[in-house]
């Protein structure tokens, strides 16, 4: 069974973010509406398009999603 994307993303949280994915992880952690239990690309990307003002670009989500898929191998 897949772990949720949010659960995967949380391993990138960092008190002093070094990159865009760490910034994304920190912001998603603070976003109480984030779909924390989802492993569905379309559900999460739709949510971020409407509520993810903290993302500079959806490309950051796509990069994180690619890492997520690779980790689930």
C-alpha atoms as a PDB file:
ATOM      1  CA  UNK A   1       0.000   0.000   0.000  1.00  0.00           C
ATOM      2  CA  UNK A   2       1.209   3.479  -0.874  1.00  0.00           C
ATOM      3  CA  UNK A   3       1.851   6.006   1.810  1.00  0.00           C
ATOM      4  CA  UNK A   4       0.191   9.315   1.124  1.00  0.00           C
ATOM      5  CA  UNK A   5       1.987  12.009  -0.824  1.00  0.00           C
ATOM      6  CA  UNK A   6       1.800  14.260   2.236  1.00  0.00           C
ATOM      7  CA  UNK A   7       3.490  11.611   4.387  1.00  0.00           C
ATOM      8  CA  UNK A   8       6.247  11.305   1.782  1.00  0.00           C
ATOM      9  CA  UNK A   9       6.611  15.087   1.484  1.00  0.00           C
ATOM     10  CA  UNK A  10       7.091  15.525   5.230  1.00  0.00           C
ATOM     11  CA  UNK A  11      10.543  13.936   5.042  1.00  0.00           C
ATOM     12  CA  UNK A  12      11.606  17.142   3.219  1.00  0.00           C
ATOM     13  CA  UNK A  13      10.521  19.478   6.030  1.00  0.00           C
ATOM     14  CA  UNK A  14      13.434  21.474   7.325  1.00  0.00           C
ATOM     15  CA  UNK A  15      13.711  24.360   9.805  1.00  0.00           C
ATOM     16  CA  UNK A  16      16.013  26.134   7.345  1.00  0.00           C
ATOM     17  CA  UNK A  17      14.761  25.047   3.929  1.00  0.00           C
ATOM     18  CA  UNK A  18      17.523  24.621   1.393  1.00  0.00           C
ATOM     19  CA  UNK A  19      15.387  24.217  -1.729  1.00  0.00           C
ATOM     20  CA  UNK A  20      11.935  24.642  -3.234  1.00  0.00           C
ATOM     21  CA  UNK A  21      10.736  21.181  -2.184  1.00  0.00           C
ATOM     22  CA  UNK A  22      11.667  21.871   1.449  1.00  0.00           C
ATOM     23  CA  UNK A  23       9.763  25.158   1.248  1.00  0.00           C
ATOM     24  CA  UNK A  24       6.806  23.264  -0.224  1.00  0.00           C
ATOM     25  CA  UNK A  25       6.947  20.662   2.561  1.00  0.00           C
ATOM     26  CA  UNK A  26       7.049  23.335   5.257  1.00  0.00           C
ATOM     27  CA  UNK A  27       4.099  25.169   3.686  1.00  0.00           C
ATOM     28  CA  UNK A  28       2.055  21.988   3.198  1.00  0.00           C
ATOM     29  CA  UNK A  29       2.606  21.186   6.871  1.00  0.00           C
ATOM     30  CA  UNK A  30       1.120  24.571   7.809  1.00  0.00           C
ATOM     31  CA  UNK A  31      -1.812  24.093   5.373  1.00  0.00           C
ATOM     32  CA  UNK A  32      -4.528  22.458   7.459  1.00  0.00           C
ATOM     33  CA  UNK A  33      -6.670  21.838   4.378  1.00  0.00           C
ATOM     34  CA  UNK A  34      -4.008  19.898   2.460  1.00  0.00           C
ATOM     35  CA  UNK A  35      -5.336  16.473   1.365  1.00  0.00           C
ATOM     36  CA  UNK A  36      -3.093  14.593   3.780  1.00  0.00           C
ATOM     37  CA  UNK A  37      -4.378  11.089   3.046  1.00  0.00           C
ATOM     38  CA  UNK A  38      -4.368  11.289  -0.734  1.00  0.00           C
ATOM     39  CA  UNK A  39      -2.102   9.487  -3.168  1.00  0.00           C
ATOM     40  CA  UNK A  40      -4.041  10.839  -6.164  1.00  0.00           C
ATOM     41  CA  UNK A  41      -2.145  13.240  -8.435  1.00  0.00           C
ATOM     42  CA  UNK A  42      -5.260  14.971  -9.773  1.00  0.00           C
ATOM     43  CA  UNK A  43      -6.819  15.491  -6.358  1.00  0.00           C
ATOM     44  CA  UNK A  44      -3.652  17.043  -4.948  1.00  0.00           C
ATOM     45  CA  UNK A  45      -2.804  19.130  -8.012  1.00  0.00           C
ATOM     46  CA  UNK A  46      -6.368  20.503  -8.172  1.00  0.00           C
ATOM     47  CA  UNK A  47      -6.207  21.388  -4.496  1.00  0.00           C
ATOM     48  CA  UNK A  48      -2.870  23.168  -4.971  1.00  0.00           C
ATOM     49  CA  UNK A  49      -4.101  25.108  -8.003  1.00  0.00           C
ATOM     50  CA  UNK A  50      -6.871  26.634  -5.895  1.00  0.00           C
ATOM     51  CA  UNK A  51      -5.274  26.723  -2.428  1.00  0.00           C
ATOM     52  CA  UNK A  52      -1.510  26.420  -2.902  1.00  0.00           C
ATOM     53  CA  UNK A  53      -0.622  30.093  -3.122  1.00  0.00           C
ATOM     54  CA  UNK A  54       2.576  29.194  -1.266  1.00  0.00           C
ATOM     55  CA  UNK A  55       3.894  27.337  -4.335  1.00  0.00           C
ATOM     56  CA  UNK A  56       5.929  29.517  -6.679  1.00  0.00           C
ATOM     57  CA  UNK A  57       5.178  27.094  -9.493  1.00  0.00           C
ATOM     58  CA  UNK A  58       3.278  23.859 -10.019  1.00  0.00           C
ATOM     59  CA  UNK A  59       6.569  22.538 -11.415  1.00  0.00           C
ATOM     60  CA  UNK A  60       7.720  22.200  -7.792  1.00  0.00           C
ATOM     61  CA  UNK A  61       4.768  19.903  -7.093  1.00  0.00           C
ATOM     62  CA  UNK A  62       5.512  17.923 -10.266  1.00  0.00           C
ATOM     63  CA  UNK A  63       9.138  17.481  -9.221  1.00  0.00           C
ATOM     64  CA  UNK A  64       8.085  16.332  -5.737  1.00  0.00           C
ATOM     65  CA  UNK A  65       5.477  13.996  -7.278  1.00  0.00           C
ATOM     66  CA  UNK A  66       8.160  12.396  -9.478  1.00  0.00           C
ATOM     67  CA  UNK A  67      10.297  11.778  -6.374  1.00  0.00           C
ATOM     68  CA  UNK A  68       7.239  10.292  -4.652  1.00  0.00           C
ATOM     69  CA  UNK A  69       6.627   7.866  -7.525  1.00  0.00           C
ATOM     70  CA  UNK A  70      10.291   6.854  -7.575  1.00  0.00           C
ATOM     71  CA  UNK A  71      10.262   6.228  -3.827  1.00  0.00           C
ATOM     72  CA  UNK A  72       7.288   3.901  -4.136  1.00  0.00           C
ATOM     73  CA  UNK A  73       9.128   2.057  -6.903  1.00  0.00           C
END
